[in-house]
Amino acid sequence: MNHDPRVDYDRLREQGLSRTGPGWVACRHADVVAIAQDPERFSSGVSRFLQVPNGLDGAAHARMRELFDPFFSPSRMAALAGLRWVATDLVAELPRGVPIDAVTDYGSRFAVRFMTQWLGWPTDLEDELLAWMAANHEASRSGDLARTAEVAGRFDDIIRRIVTPRLLNPAVGPADVTDEVIALLRGEHGFEEILVSVLRNWTGGDLGSIALCIGVLVHWLASHPEHLDEFRNLPDEALDRAIDEVLRIDDPFVSNRRVATVDAQVGGVLIPAGDRVVLNWTGANRDPAVFGDPERFDPEANAADNLVYGTGPHVCPGRPLATLELRIAVQELLRGVQRIDLVPDDEPVRAQPPVGGFESVPVVLG
């Protein structure tokens, strides 16, 4: 296995708030929570691109959350449980007894198929979306802003290809979630830009994130086979907590950014107005001051402090959807196989910052 960036985050956390180049990095749990829960002093408006809703602050953010949070309501998620067949069929397709990659062969394909069904997008987009996911990860790792902008633009082009015909010929009644979003936003100032931003947030972020999460979960289960039967038999809510705990231990959602709106004291350090701060969720989720041994699997004890989906007013709005997707992905995999074995001669490859989790997790299903 290549270098595990969590080692670096663990070391960085010991230094408290750290200056890195033009900004700061927060890895301690207390510092990350303090900043994330203080949107007045630490703004989320840091991206070059419009990000709805979580790149907004104050009343604008609250209004967009009010508009879009109902898409992730319990009743909506209950209805989406009918998409379980996406995972069931995919698990049935996976070969047994030979190596597969849990990230690309299962995680990525499940994420794309579930999302296209949810939004009502053409299923023949699968290969294009998979190629975009790979290009997006490569661009993120490169740190080249021009390259990341080009890849982001490619995804916006995909979205516009899907929504433009619907804008020209509106549905009489919303036929799917994409139609619902269009109908909801019509009349808003900057309607099309907001529409593309929302769909980008729901899809571009979700695709890669779900794939990475599945890679982490499959790797953990393969490394801890004593938990296979336990996970198989857990009721939904307990399984959700167990999945969240595995993701706390090895959090693929590495970081978010904030910018100080005023001079602000955090953890005994003065952060000047205008300075950027990186909230390192992966490091905070492994803070021994909160979790003791960060590798210890204890879903019940650690649930209240788990930051996998963030905290504060900008907590991930799509958490209910991600929770449902990951529950289904794990349940159907464990129902379809008896064993998950790592491949001795083909070690997992760690994703490198700013991405977390694994690029690849070779396993053999049995």
Protein backbone atom coordinates (compact mmCIF):
# COMPACT_ATOMS: atom_id res chain seq x y z
CA MET A 1 0.00 0.00 0.00
CA ASN A 2 1.34 3.45 -0.85
CA HIS A 3 1.62 6.32 1.63
CA ASP A 4 -1.38 6.81 3.91
CA PRO A 5 -2.08 10.58 4.22
CA ARG A 6 -3.84 9.98 7.53
CA VAL A 7 -0.38 9.65 9.08
CA ASP A 8 0.36 13.22 8.01
CA TYR A 9 -2.96 14.51 9.32
CA ASP A 10 -2.35 12.80 12.67
CA ARG A 11 1.04 14.54 12.95
CA LEU A 12 -0.37 17.87 11.83
CA ARG A 13 -3.11 17.67 14.43
CA GLU A 14 -0.53 17.57 17.21
CA GLN A 15 0.56 21.08 16.15
CA GLY A 16 -2.90 22.59 16.60
CA LEU A 17 -3.88 25.24 14.06
CA SER A 18 -1.05 25.27 11.55
CA ARG A 19 -0.01 27.87 9.01
CA THR A 20 0.51 26.39 5.57
CA GLY A 21 1.36 28.80 2.76
CA PRO A 22 -1.34 31.45 2.44
CA GLY A 23 -3.72 29.95 5.00
CA TRP A 24 -4.34 27.64 7.93
CA VAL A 25 -5.15 23.98 8.50
CA ALA A 26 -7.32 22.80 11.39
CA CYS A 27 -7.00 19.11 12.27
CA ARG A 28 -8.06 19.11 15.93
CA HIS A 29 -11.67 18.12 16.50
CA ALA A 30 -12.39 21.10 18.77
CA ASP A 31 -10.94 23.62 16.30
CA VAL A 32 -12.78 22.15 13.31
CA VAL A 33 -16.10 22.14 15.19
CA ALA A 34 -15.58 25.71 16.45
CA ILE A 35 -14.98 27.02 12.93
CA ALA A 36 -17.67 24.98 11.20
CA GLN A 37 -20.29 26.08 13.72
CA ASP A 38 -19.40 29.77 13.41
CA PRO A 39 -20.54 30.85 9.91
CA GLU A 40 -20.59 34.54 10.85
CA ARG A 41 -16.83 34.64 11.49
CA PHE A 42 -15.94 31.92 8.95
CA SER A 43 -17.64 32.18 5.57
CA SER A 44 -18.16 29.26 3.18
CA GLY A 45 -17.99 31.56 0.15
CA VAL A 46 -14.52 30.49 -0.95
CA SER A 47 -14.96 28.82 -4.36
CA ARG A 48 -14.39 30.33 -7.79
CA PHE A 49 -17.62 28.60 -8.84
CA LEU A 50 -21.17 29.11 -7.66
CA GLN A 51 -21.89 26.34 -5.15
CA VAL A 52 -25.53 26.00 -4.13
CA PRO A 53 -26.29 25.66 -1.30
CA ASN A 54 -23.11 25.13 0.70
CA GLY A 55 -21.03 27.86 -0.89
CA LEU A 56 -23.55 30.39 0.35
CA ASP A 57 -23.91 32.04 3.74
CA GLY A 58 -26.62 33.52 5.92
CA ALA A 59 -30.10 34.08 4.55
CA ALA A 60 -29.15 32.96 1.02
CA HIS A 61 -27.86 29.65 2.34
CA ALA A 62 -30.86 29.14 4.62
CA ARG A 63 -33.30 29.83 1.78
CA MET A 64 -31.65 27.33 -0.57
CA ARG A 65 -31.55 24.70 2.16
CA GLU A 66 -35.25 25.30 2.77
CA LEU A 67 -35.91 24.77 -0.94
CA PHE A 68 -33.80 21.67 -1.43
CA ASP A 69 -33.68 19.80 1.89
CA PRO A 70 -37.18 18.32 1.20
CA PHE A 71 -35.61 16.32 -1.65
CA PHE A 72 -33.80 14.35 1.08
CA SER A 73 -36.76 13.91 3.42
CA PRO A 74 -37.56 10.55 5.07
CA SER A 75 -40.46 9.96 2.70
CA ARG A 76 -38.25 10.63 -0.32
CA MET A 77 -35.60 8.26 0.96
CA ALA A 78 -38.20 5.58 1.65
CA ALA A 79 -39.32 5.82 -1.96
CA LEU A 80 -35.73 5.65 -3.21
CA ALA A 81 -35.21 2.39 -1.34
CA GLY A 82 -36.98 0.88 -4.34
CA LEU A 83 -33.72 1.36 -6.24
CA ARG A 84 -32.13 -1.47 -4.26
CA TRP A 85 -32.17 -3.50 -7.47
CA VAL A 86 -29.32 -1.30 -8.77
CA ALA A 87 -26.96 -2.85 -6.21
CA THR A 88 -28.52 -6.32 -6.43
CA ASP A 89 -28.03 -6.49 -10.19
CA LEU A 90 -24.50 -5.06 -10.02
CA VAL A 91 -23.39 -7.54 -7.35
CA ALA A 92 -24.78 -10.37 -9.50
CA GLU A 93 -22.68 -9.10 -12.42
CA LEU A 94 -19.42 -9.06 -10.46
CA PRO A 95 -17.22 -12.11 -11.10
CA ARG A 96 -16.38 -14.47 -8.25
CA GLY A 97 -12.99 -15.99 -7.54
CA VAL A 98 -10.95 -13.45 -9.53
CA PRO A 99 -9.73 -9.97 -8.52
CA ILE A 100 -12.01 -6.99 -9.01
CA ASP A 101 -11.56 -3.39 -7.92
CA ALA A 102 -14.07 -2.46 -5.20
CA VAL A 103 -13.76 1.24 -6.10
CA THR A 104 -14.14 1.20 -9.89
CA ASP A 105 -15.98 -2.07 -10.53
CA TYR A 106 -18.47 -1.72 -7.70
CA GLY A 107 -18.36 1.72 -6.07
CA SER A 108 -18.20 3.90 -9.18
CA ARG A 109 -20.70 1.91 -11.21
CA PHE A 110 -23.15 1.71 -8.32
CA ALA A 111 -22.89 5.48 -7.76
CA VAL A 112 -23.52 6.28 -11.44
CA ARG A 113 -26.40 3.85 -11.86
CA PHE A 114 -28.15 4.91 -8.66
CA MET A 115 -27.76 8.61 -9.43
CA THR A 116 -29.02 8.39 -13.00
CA GLN A 117 -32.07 6.46 -11.82
CA TRP A 118 -32.72 9.01 -9.05
CA LEU A 119 -32.47 12.05 -11.30
CA GLY A 120 -34.06 10.51 -14.39
CA TRP A 121 -30.95 10.85 -16.53
CA PRO A 122 -30.20 8.60 -19.55
CA THR A 123 -28.61 5.30 -18.56
CA ASP A 124 -26.32 5.45 -21.58
CA LEU A 125 -24.36 8.19 -19.79
CA GLU A 126 -22.69 5.56 -17.59
CA ASP A 127 -19.39 5.25 -19.45
CA GLU A 128 -19.10 9.02 -19.95
CA LEU A 129 -19.73 9.69 -16.26
CA LEU A 130 -17.24 7.00 -15.24
CA ALA A 131 -14.62 8.58 -17.49
CA TRP A 132 -15.39 12.00 -16.01
CA MET A 133 -14.98 10.65 -12.47
CA ALA A 134 -11.51 9.33 -13.31
CA ALA A 135 -10.53 12.62 -14.97
CA ASN A 136 -11.86 14.60 -12.01
CA HIS A 137 -9.78 12.62 -9.51
CA GLU A 138 -6.67 13.06 -11.64
CA ALA A 139 -7.29 16.81 -11.96
CA SER A 140 -7.88 17.16 -8.21
CA ARG A 141 -4.62 15.38 -7.44
CA SER A 142 -2.70 17.52 -9.92
CA GLY A 143 -3.51 20.77 -8.10
CA ASP A 144 -3.60 22.47 -11.53
CA LEU A 145 -6.43 25.04 -11.35
CA ALA A 146 -6.75 25.27 -15.13
CA ARG A 147 -7.09 21.51 -15.37
CA THR A 148 -9.69 21.32 -12.60
CA ALA A 149 -11.64 24.15 -14.23
CA GLU A 150 -11.60 22.31 -17.57
CA VAL A 151 -12.87 19.09 -15.97
CA ALA A 152 -15.54 21.01 -14.07
CA GLY A 153 -16.60 22.62 -17.32
CA ARG A 154 -16.94 19.20 -18.94
CA PHE A 155 -19.36 18.16 -16.22
CA ASP A 156 -21.36 21.35 -16.60
CA ASP A 157 -21.60 20.55 -20.31
CA ILE A 158 -23.08 17.13 -19.49
CA ILE A 159 -25.66 18.77 -17.23
CA ARG A 160 -26.57 21.37 -19.85
CA ARG A 161 -27.05 18.65 -22.48
CA ILE A 162 -29.58 17.03 -20.16
CA VAL A 163 -31.45 20.14 -19.00
CA THR A 164 -31.52 22.26 -22.19
CA PRO A 165 -34.19 20.17 -23.98
CA ARG A 166 -36.27 20.25 -20.79
CA LEU A 167 -35.96 24.02 -20.56
CA LEU A 168 -37.09 24.40 -24.17
CA ASN A 169 -39.96 21.94 -23.76
CA PRO A 170 -41.05 21.96 -20.11
CA ALA A 171 -42.83 18.87 -18.81
CA VAL A 172 -46.56 19.27 -18.24
CA GLY A 173 -45.98 17.77 -14.80
CA PRO A 174 -42.61 16.90 -13.30
CA ALA A 175 -41.65 13.45 -14.55
CA ASP A 176 -38.54 13.05 -12.44
CA VAL A 177 -36.36 14.84 -9.90
CA THR A 178 -34.57 16.91 -12.56
CA ASP A 179 -37.91 18.20 -13.81
CA GLU A 180 -38.88 19.01 -10.23
CA VAL A 181 -35.74 21.07 -9.70
CA ILE A 182 -36.32 22.96 -12.94
CA ALA A 183 -39.91 23.74 -11.96
CA LEU A 184 -38.85 24.79 -8.46
CA LEU A 185 -36.19 27.22 -9.68
CA ARG A 186 -38.01 28.85 -12.60
CA GLY A 187 -38.30 32.56 -11.94
CA GLU A 188 -35.21 32.70 -9.70
CA HIS A 189 -32.64 35.36 -10.59
CA GLY A 190 -29.80 33.52 -12.32
CA PHE A 191 -32.07 30.50 -12.77
CA GLU A 192 -29.93 28.45 -15.16
CA GLU A 193 -26.69 29.07 -13.27
CA ILE A 194 -28.32 27.99 -9.99
CA LEU A 195 -29.85 24.94 -11.70
CA VAL A 196 -26.50 23.76 -13.03
CA SER A 197 -24.84 24.42 -9.65
CA VAL A 198 -27.44 22.39 -7.74
CA LEU A 199 -27.25 19.45 -10.13
CA ARG A 200 -23.44 19.65 -10.12
CA ASN A 201 -23.45 19.58 -6.32
CA TRP A 202 -25.82 16.63 -6.20
CA THR A 203 -24.04 14.61 -8.85
CA GLY A 204 -20.41 15.59 -9.35
CA GLY A 205 -19.70 15.45 -5.63
CA ASP A 206 -21.87 12.43 -4.93
CA LEU A 207 -20.43 10.19 -7.63
CA GLY A 208 -16.82 10.33 -6.47
CA SER A 209 -17.72 10.43 -2.79
CA ILE A 210 -19.91 7.32 -2.86
CA ALA A 211 -17.30 5.39 -4.83
CA LEU A 212 -14.57 6.34 -2.35
CA CYS A 213 -16.79 5.46 0.61
CA ILE A 214 -17.55 2.03 -0.84
CA GLY A 215 -13.84 1.46 -1.36
CA VAL A 216 -13.15 2.28 2.30
CA LEU A 217 -16.01 0.08 3.51
CA VAL A 218 -15.06 -2.94 1.38
CA HIS A 219 -11.41 -2.60 2.41
CA TRP A 220 -12.37 -2.44 6.09
CA LEU A 221 -14.68 -5.48 5.84
CA ALA A 222 -12.03 -7.46 3.97
CA SER A 223 -9.50 -6.51 6.66
CA HIS A 224 -11.95 -7.36 9.49
CA PRO A 225 -13.75 -10.52 8.32
CA GLU A 226 -14.94 -11.14 11.88
CA HIS A 227 -17.46 -8.33 11.32
CA LEU A 228 -19.02 -9.72 8.12
CA ASP A 229 -21.82 -11.65 9.83
CA GLU A 230 -22.38 -8.79 12.29
CA PHE A 231 -22.90 -6.30 9.43
CA ARG A 232 -25.16 -8.77 7.59
CA ASN A 233 -27.50 -9.01 10.56
CA LEU A 234 -27.63 -5.41 11.75
CA PRO A 235 -30.94 -3.55 11.42
CA ASP A 236 -30.84 -0.49 9.18
CA GLU A 237 -30.20 2.20 11.82
CA ALA A 238 -27.45 0.19 13.52
CA LEU A 239 -25.84 -0.55 10.16
CA ASP A 240 -25.91 3.16 9.32
CA ARG A 241 -24.02 3.91 12.54
CA ALA A 242 -21.52 1.12 11.81
CA ILE A 243 -20.91 2.47 8.30
CA ASP A 244 -20.45 6.00 9.66
CA GLU A 245 -17.94 4.67 12.19
CA VAL A 246 -15.84 2.92 9.53
CA LEU A 247 -15.85 6.18 7.57
CA ARG A 248 -14.83 8.09 10.70
CA ILE A 249 -11.78 5.85 11.08
CA ASP A 250 -10.84 6.33 7.42
CA ASP A 251 -12.72 9.44 6.31
CA PRO A 252 -12.61 9.95 2.51
CA PHE A 253 -14.20 13.42 2.81
CA VAL A 254 -10.88 15.07 3.56
CA SER A 255 -11.61 18.77 3.88
CA ASN A 256 -13.66 21.88 3.27
CA ARG A 257 -12.57 25.52 3.23
CA ARG A 258 -13.62 28.65 5.05
CA VAL A 259 -12.46 32.28 5.00
CA ALA A 260 -12.30 34.44 8.11
CA THR A 261 -14.61 37.45 7.87
CA VAL A 262 -13.04 39.13 10.94
CA ASP A 263 -9.97 38.64 13.10
CA ALA A 264 -10.91 35.49 15.01
CA GLN A 265 -9.36 33.55 17.89
CA VAL A 266 -9.55 29.76 17.58
CA GLY A 267 -7.69 27.37 19.83
CA GLY A 268 -5.56 30.19 21.18
CA VAL A 269 -4.48 31.28 17.69
CA LEU A 270 -5.43 34.54 15.97
CA ILE A 271 -6.67 34.06 12.42
CA PRO A 272 -6.63 37.42 10.60
CA ALA A 273 -9.64 38.51 8.56
CA GLY A 274 -9.36 37.35 4.96
CA ASP A 275 -7.24 34.28 5.75
CA ARG A 276 -8.35 30.91 4.38
CA VAL A 277 -8.78 27.94 6.69
CA VAL A 278 -8.90 24.28 5.64
CA LEU A 279 -11.10 22.14 7.90
CA ASN A 280 -9.49 18.72 7.83
CA TRP A 281 -12.35 16.38 8.67
CA THR A 282 -10.17 13.27 8.30
CA GLY A 283 -7.74 14.48 10.94
CA ALA A 284 -10.49 15.71 13.27
CA ASN A 285 -12.27 12.36 13.06
CA ARG A 286 -9.14 10.67 14.38
CA ASP A 287 -8.49 13.03 17.31
CA PRO A 288 -7.49 10.96 20.38
CA ALA A 289 -8.73 13.77 22.63
CA VAL A 290 -12.25 12.83 21.51
CA PHE A 291 -12.09 9.23 20.30
CA GLY A 292 -9.27 7.72 22.37
CA ASP A 293 -7.76 5.12 20.04
CA PRO A 294 -8.90 6.45 16.63
CA GLU A 295 -8.72 2.96 15.09
CA ARG A 296 -11.12 1.49 17.67
CA PHE A 297 -14.45 0.54 16.10
CA ASP A 298 -17.17 1.76 18.48
CA PRO A 299 -20.22 3.07 16.58
CA GLU A 300 -22.39 3.78 19.59
CA ALA A 301 -19.78 5.63 21.64
CA ASN A 302 -18.45 7.73 18.76
CA ALA A 303 -21.63 8.62 16.87
CA ALA A 304 -22.25 11.96 18.58
CA ASP A 305 -18.79 13.31 17.69
CA ASN A 306 -18.51 11.82 14.20
CA LEU A 307 -17.81 14.55 11.60
CA VAL A 308 -18.01 12.49 8.40
CA TYR A 309 -20.84 14.68 7.10
CA GLY A 310 -19.65 17.87 8.76
CA THR A 311 -21.34 19.91 11.46
CA GLY A 312 -23.04 23.27 11.85
CA PRO A 313 -25.39 24.98 9.39
CA HIS A 314 -23.39 23.73 6.41
CA VAL A 315 -23.62 20.06 7.39
CA CYS A 316 -23.92 17.95 4.23
CA PRO A 317 -27.49 18.32 2.91
CA GLY A 318 -27.22 15.02 1.03
CA ARG A 319 -26.41 12.95 4.10
CA PRO A 320 -29.75 11.04 4.03
CA LEU A 321 -29.16 10.07 0.40
CA ALA A 322 -25.54 9.03 0.98
CA THR A 323 -26.61 7.03 4.06
CA LEU A 324 -29.25 5.20 2.02
CA GLU A 325 -26.90 4.50 -0.88
CA LEU A 326 -24.14 3.14 1.34
CA ARG A 327 -26.55 1.02 3.38
CA ILE A 328 -27.94 -0.56 0.21
CA ALA A 329 -24.48 -1.05 -1.31
CA VAL A 330 -23.19 -2.83 1.80
CA GLN A 331 -26.32 -4.90 2.40
CA GLU A 332 -26.55 -6.17 -1.16
CA LEU A 333 -22.85 -6.95 -1.38
CA LEU A 334 -22.98 -8.97 1.84
CA ARG A 335 -26.16 -10.75 0.75
CA GLY A 336 -24.55 -11.69 -2.54
CA VAL A 337 -21.19 -12.98 -1.28
CA GLN A 338 -19.90 -15.03 1.62
CA ARG A 339 -16.31 -13.80 1.60
CA ILE A 340 -14.38 -10.66 0.68
CA ASP A 341 -10.63 -11.24 0.50
CA LEU A 342 -7.83 -8.80 -0.16
CA VAL A 343 -5.44 -9.78 -2.98
CA PRO A 344 -2.00 -10.58 -1.49
CA ASP A 345 -0.03 -9.66 -4.60
CA ASP A 346 -2.05 -6.56 -5.50
CA GLU A 347 -2.19 -4.13 -2.61
CA PRO A 348 -4.78 -1.35 -2.30
CA VAL A 349 -3.66 2.05 -3.56
CA ARG A 350 -4.31 5.02 -1.31
CA ALA A 351 -5.83 8.14 -2.83
CA GLN A 352 -3.68 11.19 -2.24
CA PRO A 353 -4.75 14.71 -1.16
CA PRO A 354 -7.07 16.39 -1.72
CA VAL A 355 -8.88 13.07 -2.18
CA GLY A 356 -9.21 10.50 0.61
CA GLY A 357 -9.84 6.78 0.86
CA PHE A 358 -8.50 4.54 -1.89
CA GLU A 359 -7.92 4.81 -5.61
CA SER A 360 -8.23 1.05 -5.88
CA VAL A 361 -9.05 -1.84 -3.58
CA PRO A 362 -8.43 -5.19 -5.29
CA VAL A 363 -10.53 -7.93 -3.69
CA VAL A 364 -11.75 -11.41 -4.52
CA LEU A 365 -15.42 -12.15 -3.85
CA GLY A 366 -16.46 -15.62 -2.83
